Amino acid sequence: MSEFTLNELTEKLRECAGEAENYDVDTDDVSDVPFLELGYDSLALLQVTGVLKRERGVELSDDEVIGVETPRALLEMINTNLSVKAL
């Protein structure tokens, strides 16, 4: 299964919770920008991971997702889950 990318993540965030605040996620590297600074709270992240569970079979615990602070950290969790599923 292919790696989930930052572009895919930002698209899912837009679909589930709207545009980021203070950043253009299409041109700015937001990998290490805290989700709260981007304008996304834990509910937005839970919505995104719920969609990913339905669409790609990614299963992350709510506690893990709520504790994640940056897109890079969430991508690592998603891609680790995808690689484990591929085995």
PDB file of N, CA and C in Angstrom:
ATOM      1  N   MET A   1       0.845  -1.175   0.000  1.00  0.00           N
ATOM      2  CA  MET A   1       0.000   0.000   0.000  1.00  0.00           C
ATOM      3  C   MET A   1       0.887   1.234   0.000  1.00  0.00           C
ATOM      4  N   SER A   2       0.520   2.250  -0.745  1.00  0.00           N
ATOM      5  CA  SER A   2       1.365   3.437  -0.867  1.00  0.00           C
ATOM      6  C   SER A   2       1.324   4.290   0.395  1.00  0.00           C
ATOM      7  N   GLU A   3       2.387   5.048   0.566  1.00  0.00           N
ATOM      8  CA  GLU A   3       2.504   5.927   1.722  1.00  0.00           C
ATOM      9  C   GLU A   3       1.490   7.056   1.639  1.00  0.00           C
ATOM     10  N   PHE A   4       0.897   7.385   2.771  1.00  0.00           N
ATOM     11  CA  PHE A   4      -0.035   8.505   2.869  1.00  0.00           C
ATOM     12  C   PHE A   4       0.799   9.773   2.974  1.00  0.00           C
ATOM     13  N   THR A   5       0.504  10.781   2.166  1.00  0.00           N
ATOM     14  CA  THR A   5       1.346  11.973   2.065  1.00  0.00           C
ATOM     15  C   THR A   5       0.764  13.171   2.814  1.00  0.00           C
ATOM     16  N   LEU A   6       1.600  14.191   2.984  1.00  0.00           N
ATOM     17  CA  LEU A   6       1.160  15.438   3.599  1.00  0.00           C
ATOM     18  C   LEU A   6       0.041  16.070   2.775  1.00  0.00           C
ATOM     19  N   ASN A   7       0.160  16.028   1.454  1.00  0.00           N
ATOM     20  CA  ASN A   7      -0.898  16.592   0.608  1.00  0.00           C
ATOM     21  C   ASN A   7      -2.225  15.877   0.819  1.00  0.00           C
ATOM     22  N   GLU A   8      -2.184  14.561   0.934  1.00  0.00           N
ATOM     23  CA  GLU A   8      -3.410  13.804   1.180  1.00  0.00           C
ATOM     24  C   GLU A   8      -3.994  14.149   2.554  1.00  0.00           C
ATOM     25  N   LEU A   9      -3.128  14.291   3.544  1.00  0.00           N
ATOM     26  CA  LEU A   9      -3.590  14.632   4.881  1.00  0.00           C
ATOM     27  C   LEU A   9      -4.242  16.009   4.896  1.00  0.00           C
ATOM     28  N   THR A  10      -3.609  16.990   4.282  1.00  0.00           N
ATOM     29  CA  THR A  10      -4.190  18.337   4.295  1.00  0.00           C
ATOM     30  C   THR A  10      -5.510  18.375   3.527  1.00  0.00           C
ATOM     31  N   GLU A  11      -5.622  17.580   2.485  1.00  0.00           N
ATOM     32  CA  GLU A  11      -6.892  17.499   1.748  1.00  0.00           C
ATOM     33  C   GLU A  11      -7.990  16.912   2.636  1.00  0.00           C
ATOM     34  N   LYS A  12      -7.669  15.861   3.383  1.00  0.00           N
ATOM     35  CA  LYS A  12      -8.650  15.262   4.294  1.00  0.00           C
ATOM     36  C   LYS A  12      -9.030  16.247   5.405  1.00  0.00           C
ATOM     37  N   LEU A  13      -8.048  16.997   5.904  1.00  0.00           N
ATOM     38  CA  LEU A  13      -8.350  18.002   6.925  1.00  0.00           C
ATOM     39  C   LEU A  13      -9.307  19.055   6.379  1.00  0.00           C
ATOM     40  N   ARG A  14      -9.083  19.499   5.159  1.00  0.00           N
ATOM     41  CA  ARG A  14      -9.992  20.470   4.523  1.00  0.00           C
ATOM     42  C   ARG A  14     -11.401  19.902   4.406  1.00  0.00           C
ATOM     43  N   GLU A  15     -11.487  18.650   3.929  1.00  0.00           N
ATOM     44  CA  GLU A  15     -12.792  18.018   3.747  1.00  0.00           C
ATOM     45  C   GLU A  15     -13.544  17.902   5.067  1.00  0.00           C
ATOM     46  N   CYS A  16     -12.835  17.563   6.124  1.00  0.00           N
ATOM     47  CA  CYS A  16     -13.481  17.291   7.407  1.00  0.00           C
ATOM     48  C   CYS A  16     -13.665  18.533   8.282  1.00  0.00           C
ATOM     49  N   ALA A  17     -12.750  19.489   8.174  1.00  0.00           N
ATOM     50  CA  ALA A  17     -12.768  20.598   9.134  1.00  0.00           C
ATOM     51  C   ALA A  17     -12.528  21.976   8.523  1.00  0.00           C
ATOM     52  N   GLY A  18     -12.429  22.076   7.218  1.00  0.00           N
ATOM     53  CA  GLY A  18     -12.238  23.383   6.597  1.00  0.00           C
ATOM     54  C   GLY A  18     -10.776  23.754   6.402  1.00  0.00           C
ATOM     55  N   GLU A  19     -10.572  24.969   5.945  1.00  0.00           N
ATOM     56  CA  GLU A  19      -9.235  25.471   5.634  1.00  0.00           C
ATOM     57  C   GLU A  19      -8.425  25.738   6.893  1.00  0.00           C
ATOM     58  N   ALA A  20      -7.121  25.591   6.771  1.00  0.00           N
ATOM     59  CA  ALA A  20      -6.203  25.923   7.859  1.00  0.00           C
ATOM     60  C   ALA A  20      -6.183  27.432   8.073  1.00  0.00           C
ATOM     61  N   GLU A  21      -5.883  27.836   9.297  1.00  0.00           N
ATOM     62  CA  GLU A  21      -5.772  29.254   9.618  1.00  0.00           C
ATOM     63  C   GLU A  21      -4.312  29.690   9.505  1.00  0.00           C
ATOM     64  N   ASN A  22      -4.089  30.869   8.955  1.00  0.00           N
ATOM     65  CA  ASN A  22      -2.763  31.510   8.916  1.00  0.00           C
ATOM     66  C   ASN A  22      -1.723  30.805   8.060  1.00  0.00           C
ATOM     67  N   TYR A  23      -2.084  29.758   7.361  1.00  0.00           N
ATOM     68  CA  TYR A  23      -1.136  29.023   6.529  1.00  0.00           C
ATOM     69  C   TYR A  23      -1.812  28.623   5.227  1.00  0.00           C
ATOM     70  N   ASP A  24      -1.031  28.608   4.171  1.00  0.00           N
ATOM     71  CA  ASP A  24      -1.490  28.046   2.905  1.00  0.00           C
ATOM     72  C   ASP A  24      -0.880  26.656   2.828  1.00  0.00           C
ATOM     73  N   VAL A  25      -1.655  25.659   3.149  1.00  0.00           N
ATOM     74  CA  VAL A  25      -1.113  24.304   3.233  1.00  0.00           C
ATOM     75  C   VAL A  25      -0.712  23.749   1.875  1.00  0.00           C
ATOM     76  N   ASP A  26      -1.094  24.439   0.809  1.00  0.00           N
ATOM     77  CA  ASP A  26      -0.665  24.016  -0.527  1.00  0.00           C
ATOM     78  C   ASP A  26       0.762  24.453  -0.831  1.00  0.00           C
ATOM     79  N   THR A  27       1.214  25.534  -0.216  1.00  0.00           N
ATOM     80  CA  THR A  27       2.560  26.040  -0.506  1.00  0.00           C
ATOM     81  C   THR A  27       3.484  26.056   0.718  1.00  0.00           C
ATOM     82  N   ASP A  28       2.945  26.192   1.906  1.00  0.00           N
ATOM     83  CA  ASP A  28       3.766  26.214   3.121  1.00  0.00           C
ATOM     84  C   ASP A  28       4.048  24.791   3.587  1.00  0.00           C
ATOM     85  N   ASP A  29       5.246  24.573   4.107  1.00  0.00           N
ATOM     86  CA  ASP A  29       5.549  23.275   4.711  1.00  0.00           C
ATOM     87  C   ASP A  29       5.016  23.312   6.139  1.00  0.00           C
ATOM     88  N   VAL A  30       3.913  22.627   6.360  1.00  0.00           N
ATOM     89  CA  VAL A  30       3.263  22.643   7.665  1.00  0.00           C
ATOM     90  C   VAL A  30       3.516  21.358   8.452  1.00  0.00           C
ATOM     91  N   SER A  31       4.480  20.581   8.030  1.00  0.00           N
ATOM     92  CA  SER A  31       4.747  19.285   8.663  1.00  0.00           C
ATOM     93  C   SER A  31       4.932  19.373  10.168  1.00  0.00           C
ATOM     94  N   ASP A  32       5.614  20.428  10.624  1.00  0.00           N
ATOM     95  CA  ASP A  32       5.925  20.551  12.045  1.00  0.00           C
ATOM     96  C   ASP A  32       5.168  21.680  12.732  1.00  0.00           C
ATOM     97  N   VAL A  33       4.151  22.204  12.079  1.00  0.00           N
ATOM     98  CA  VAL A  33       3.314  23.243  12.675  1.00  0.00           C
ATOM     99  C   VAL A  33       2.241  22.551  13.521  1.00  0.00           C
ATOM    100  N   PRO A  34       2.110  22.934  14.794  1.00  0.00           N
ATOM    101  CA  PRO A  34       1.095  22.294  15.638  1.00  0.00           C
ATOM    102  C   PRO A  34      -0.312  22.426  15.031  1.00  0.00           C
ATOM    103  N   PHE A  35      -1.089  21.366  15.160  1.00  0.00           N
ATOM    104  CA  PHE A  35      -2.448  21.382  14.633  1.00  0.00           C
ATOM    105  C   PHE A  35      -3.252  22.557  15.178  1.00  0.00           C
ATOM    106  N   LEU A  36      -3.085  22.869  16.458  1.00  0.00           N
ATOM    107  CA  LEU A  36      -3.840  23.985  17.032  1.00  0.00           C
ATOM    108  C   LEU A  36      -3.496  25.302  16.354  1.00  0.00           C
ATOM    109  N   GLU A  37      -2.239  25.477  15.982  1.00  0.00           N
ATOM    110  CA  GLU A  37      -1.825  26.689  15.267  1.00  0.00           C
ATOM    111  C   GLU A  37      -2.430  26.732  13.861  1.00  0.00           C
ATOM    112  N   LEU A  38      -2.656  25.559  13.293  1.00  0.00           N
ATOM    113  CA  LEU A  38      -3.292  25.471  11.977  1.00  0.00           C
ATOM    114  C   LEU A  38      -4.808  25.663  12.068  1.00  0.00           C
ATOM    115  N   GLY A  39      -5.336  25.602  13.288  1.00  0.00           N
ATOM    116  CA  GLY A  39      -6.769  25.770  13.484  1.00  0.00           C
ATOM    117  C   GLY A  39      -7.537  24.462  13.545  1.00  0.00           C
ATOM    118  N   TYR A  40      -6.830  23.357  13.756  1.00  0.00           N
ATOM    119  CA  TYR A  40      -7.474  22.049  13.846  1.00  0.00           C
ATOM    120  C   TYR A  40      -7.368  21.513  15.269  1.00  0.00           C
ATOM    121  N   ASP A  41      -8.510  21.156  15.843  1.00  0.00           N
ATOM    122  CA  ASP A  41      -8.514  20.596  17.189  1.00  0.00           C
ATOM    123  C   ASP A  41      -8.602  19.076  17.140  1.00  0.00           C
ATOM    124  N   SER A  42      -8.678  18.469  18.300  1.00  0.00           N
ATOM    125  CA  SER A  42      -8.701  17.005  18.360  1.00  0.00           C
ATOM    126  C   SER A  42      -9.930  16.425  17.665  1.00  0.00           C
ATOM    127  N   LEU A  43     -11.046  17.118  17.689  1.00  0.00           N
ATOM    128  CA  LEU A  43     -12.246  16.633  17.007  1.00  0.00           C
ATOM    129  C   LEU A  43     -12.004  16.541  15.500  1.00  0.00           C
ATOM    130  N   ALA A  44     -11.325  17.535  14.933  1.00  0.00           N
ATOM    131  CA  ALA A  44     -10.995  17.506  13.503  1.00  0.00           C
ATOM    132  C   ALA A  44     -10.107  16.303  13.182  1.00  0.00           C
ATOM    133  N   LEU A  45      -9.140  16.036  14.042  1.00  0.00           N
ATOM    134  CA  LEU A  45      -8.246  14.894  13.818  1.00  0.00           C
ATOM    135  C   LEU A  45      -9.004  13.573  13.912  1.00  0.00           C
ATOM    136  N   LEU A  46      -9.922  13.478  14.857  1.00  0.00           N
ATOM    137  CA  LEU A  46     -10.727  12.261  14.984  1.00  0.00           C
ATOM    138  C   LEU A  46     -11.624  12.062  13.762  1.00  0.00           C
ATOM    139  N   GLN A  47     -12.135  13.151  13.214  1.00  0.00           N
ATOM    140  CA  GLN A  47     -12.944  13.047  11.996  1.00  0.00           C
ATOM    141  C   GLN A  47     -12.094  12.530  10.840  1.00  0.00           C
ATOM    142  N   VAL A  48     -10.898  13.057  10.702  1.00  0.00           N
ATOM    143  CA  VAL A  48      -9.998  12.630   9.628  1.00  0.00           C
ATOM    144  C   VAL A  48      -9.647  11.153   9.782  1.00  0.00           C
ATOM    145  N   THR A  49      -9.304  10.745  10.983  1.00  0.00           N
ATOM    146  CA  THR A  49      -8.919   9.342  11.155  1.00  0.00           C
ATOM    147  C   THR A  49     -10.114   8.406  10.999  1.00  0.00           C
ATOM    148  N   GLY A  50     -11.320   8.890  11.292  1.00  0.00           N
ATOM    149  CA  GLY A  50     -12.516   8.098  11.029  1.00  0.00           C
ATOM    150  C   GLY A  50     -12.710   7.866   9.539  1.00  0.00           C
ATOM    151  N   VAL A  51     -12.473   8.906   8.751  1.00  0.00           N
ATOM    152  CA  VAL A  51     -12.564   8.784   7.285  1.00  0.00           C
ATOM    153  C   VAL A  51     -11.483   7.829   6.775  1.00  0.00           C
ATOM    154  N   LEU A  52     -10.274   7.953   7.298  1.00  0.00           N
ATOM    155  CA  LEU A  52      -9.182   7.071   6.872  1.00  0.00           C
ATOM    156  C   LEU A  52      -9.451   5.615   7.242  1.00  0.00           C
ATOM    157  N   LYS A  53     -10.131   5.408   8.342  1.00  0.00           N
ATOM    158  CA  LYS A  53     -10.483   4.038   8.714  1.00  0.00           C
ATOM    159  C   LYS A  53     -11.443   3.448   7.678  1.00  0.00           C
ATOM    160  N   ARG A  54     -12.438   4.233   7.283  1.00  0.00           N
ATOM    161  CA  ARG A  54     -13.402   3.753   6.287  1.00  0.00           C
ATOM    162  C   ARG A  54     -12.777   3.581   4.911  1.00  0.00           C
ATOM    163  N   GLU A  55     -11.961   4.548   4.511  1.00  0.00           N
ATOM    164  CA  GLU A  55     -11.418   4.541   3.153  1.00  0.00           C
ATOM    165  C   GLU A  55     -10.200   3.643   2.963  1.00  0.00           C
ATOM    166  N   ARG A  56      -9.337   3.574   3.981  1.00  0.00           N
ATOM    167  CA  ARG A  56      -8.067   2.857   3.804  1.00  0.00           C
ATOM    168  C   ARG A  56      -7.784   1.802   4.854  1.00  0.00           C
ATOM    169  N   GLY A  57      -8.717   1.623   5.785  1.00  0.00           N
ATOM    170  CA  GLY A  57      -8.527   0.602   6.809  1.00  0.00           C
ATOM    171  C   GLY A  57      -7.535   0.968   7.891  1.00  0.00           C
ATOM    172  N   VAL A  58      -7.204   2.254   8.015  1.00  0.00           N
ATOM    173  CA  VAL A  58      -6.259   2.711   9.040  1.00  0.00           C
ATOM    174  C   VAL A  58      -6.973   2.723  10.382  1.00  0.00           C
ATOM    175  N   GLU A  59      -6.422   1.993  11.342  1.00  0.00           N
ATOM    176  CA  GLU A  59      -7.036   1.928  12.658  1.00  0.00           C
ATOM    177  C   GLU A  59      -6.087   2.512  13.690  1.00  0.00           C
ATOM    178  N   LEU A  60      -6.466   3.679  14.218  1.00  0.00           N
ATOM    179  CA  LEU A  60      -5.693   4.351  15.255  1.00  0.00           C
ATOM    180  C   LEU A  60      -6.603   4.565  16.452  1.00  0.00           C
ATOM    181  N   SER A  61      -6.061   4.415  17.642  1.00  0.00           N
ATOM    182  CA  SER A  61      -6.889   4.639  18.829  1.00  0.00           C
ATOM    183  C   SER A  61      -7.135   6.135  19.006  1.00  0.00           C
ATOM    184  N   ASP A  62      -8.291   6.451  19.562  1.00  0.00           N
ATOM    185  CA  ASP A  62      -8.628   7.848  19.812  1.00  0.00           C
ATOM    186  C   ASP A  62      -7.586   8.509  20.707  1.00  0.00           C
ATOM    187  N   ASP A  63      -7.101   7.789  21.711  1.00  0.00           N
ATOM    188  CA  ASP A  63      -6.100   8.350  22.622  1.00  0.00           C
ATOM    189  C   ASP A  63      -4.817   8.721  21.888  1.00  0.00           C
ATOM    190  N   GLU A  64      -4.387   7.869  20.949  1.00  0.00           N
ATOM    191  CA  GLU A  64      -3.194   8.177  20.153  1.00  0.00           C
ATOM    192  C   GLU A  64      -3.411   9.436  19.332  1.00  0.00           C
ATOM    193  N   VAL A  65      -4.551   9.506  18.683  1.00  0.00           N
ATOM    194  CA  VAL A  65      -4.847  10.627  17.784  1.00  0.00           C
ATOM    195  C   VAL A  65      -4.953  11.934  18.557  1.00  0.00           C
ATOM    196  N   ILE A  66      -5.623  11.912  19.692  1.00  0.00           N
ATOM    197  CA  ILE A  66      -5.787  13.132  20.494  1.00  0.00           C
ATOM    198  C   ILE A  66      -4.438  13.662  20.968  1.00  0.00           C
ATOM    199  N   GLY A  67      -3.484  12.768  21.211  1.00  0.00           N
ATOM    200  CA  GLY A  67      -2.171  13.176  21.699  1.00  0.00           C
ATOM    201  C   GLY A  67      -1.221  13.687  20.632  1.00  0.00           C
ATOM    202  N   VAL A  68      -1.596  13.557  19.372  1.00  0.00           N
ATOM    203  CA  VAL A  68      -0.708  13.951  18.270  1.00  0.00           C
ATOM    204  C   VAL A  68      -0.736  15.481  18.114  1.00  0.00           C
ATOM    205  N   GLU A  69       0.434  16.083  17.900  1.00  0.00           N
ATOM    206  CA  GLU A  69       0.495  17.542  17.847  1.00  0.00           C
ATOM    207  C   GLU A  69       0.763  18.127  16.474  1.00  0.00           C
ATOM    208  N   THR A  70       1.396  17.361  15.578  1.00  0.00           N
ATOM    209  CA  THR A  70       1.774  17.923  14.278  1.00  0.00           C
ATOM    210  C   THR A  70       1.391  16.984  13.136  1.00  0.00           C
ATOM    211  N   PRO A  71       1.260  17.521  11.933  1.00  0.00           N
ATOM    212  CA  PRO A  71       1.004  16.661  10.776  1.00  0.00           C
ATOM    213  C   PRO A  71       2.064  15.573  10.605  1.00  0.00           C
ATOM    214  N   ARG A  72       3.332  15.898  10.830  1.00  0.00           N
ATOM    215  CA  ARG A  72       4.394  14.899  10.678  1.00  0.00           C
ATOM    216  C   ARG A  72       4.151  13.706  11.613  1.00  0.00           C
ATOM    217  N   ALA A  73       3.802  13.987  12.862  1.00  0.00           N
ATOM    218  CA  ALA A  73       3.564  12.914  13.826  1.00  0.00           C
ATOM    219  C   ALA A  73       2.353  12.076  13.424  1.00  0.00           C
ATOM    220  N   LEU A  74       1.294  12.716  12.945  1.00  0.00           N
ATOM    221  CA  LEU A  74       0.113  11.964  12.517  1.00  0.00           C
ATOM    222  C   LEU A  74       0.423  11.132  11.282  1.00  0.00           C
ATOM    223  N   LEU A  75       1.169  11.688  10.351  1.00  0.00           N
ATOM    224  CA  LEU A  75       1.558  10.926   9.158  1.00  0.00           C
ATOM    225  C   LEU A  75       2.375   9.695   9.527  1.00  0.00           C
ATOM    226  N   GLU A  76       3.274   9.831  10.487  1.00  0.00           N
ATOM    227  CA  GLU A  76       4.071   8.688  10.930  1.00  0.00           C
ATOM    228  C   GLU A  76       3.167   7.588  11.482  1.00  0.00           C
ATOM    229  N   MET A  77       2.171   7.984  12.279  1.00  0.00           N
ATOM    230  CA  MET A  77       1.240   7.003  12.834  1.00  0.00           C
ATOM    231  C   MET A  77       0.439   6.323  11.725  1.00  0.00           C
ATOM    232  N   ILE A  78      -0.061   7.108  10.791  1.00  0.00           N
ATOM    233  CA  ILE A  78      -0.862   6.570   9.686  1.00  0.00           C
ATOM    234  C   ILE A  78      -0.022   5.609   8.852  1.00  0.00           C
ATOM    235  N   ASN A  79       1.174   6.044   8.469  1.00  0.00           N
ATOM    236  CA  ASN A  79       2.011   5.205   7.595  1.00  0.00           C
ATOM    237  C   ASN A  79       2.534   3.967   8.293  1.00  0.00           C
ATOM    238  N   THR A  80       2.781   4.045   9.593  1.00  0.00           N
ATOM    239  CA  THR A  80       3.158   2.849  10.338  1.00  0.00           C
ATOM    240  C   THR A  80       2.010   1.844  10.316  1.00  0.00           C
ATOM    241  N   ASN A  81       0.800   2.333  10.506  1.00  0.00           N
ATOM    242  CA  ASN A  81      -0.368   1.460  10.471  1.00  0.00           C
ATOM    243  C   ASN A  81      -0.544   0.842   9.087  1.00  0.00           C
ATOM    244  N   LEU A  82      -0.346   1.632   8.038  1.00  0.00           N
ATOM    245  CA  LEU A  82      -0.476   1.115   6.674  1.00  0.00           C
ATOM    246  C   LEU A  82       0.579   0.055   6.381  1.00  0.00           C
ATOM    247  N   SER A  83       1.804   0.271   6.851  1.00  0.00           N
ATOM    248  CA  SER A  83       2.871  -0.700   6.580  1.00  0.00           C
ATOM    249  C   SER A  83       2.634  -1.999   7.346  1.00  0.00           C
ATOM    250  N   VAL A  84       2.096  -1.920   8.551  1.00  0.00           N
ATOM    251  CA  VAL A  84       1.779  -3.122   9.314  1.00  0.00           C
ATOM    252  C   VAL A  84       0.665  -3.902   8.622  1.00  0.00           C
ATOM    253  N   LYS A  85      -0.327  -3.199   8.090  1.00  0.00           N
ATOM    254  CA  LYS A  85      -1.424  -3.849   7.391  1.00  0.00           C
ATOM    255  C   LYS A  85      -0.942  -4.545   6.112  1.00  0.00           C
ATOM    256  N   ALA A  86       0.103  -4.004   5.488  1.00  0.00           N
ATOM    257  CA  ALA A  86       0.605  -4.561   4.236  1.00  0.00           C
ATOM    258  C   ALA A  86       1.345  -5.880   4.447  1.00  0.00           C
ATOM    259  N   LEU A  87       1.778  -6.143   5.676  1.00  0.00           N
ATOM    260  CA  LEU A  87       2.538  -7.377   5.955  1.00  0.00           C
ATOM    261  C   LEU A  87       1.689  -8.598   5.901  1.00  0.00           C
TER     262      LEU A  87
END
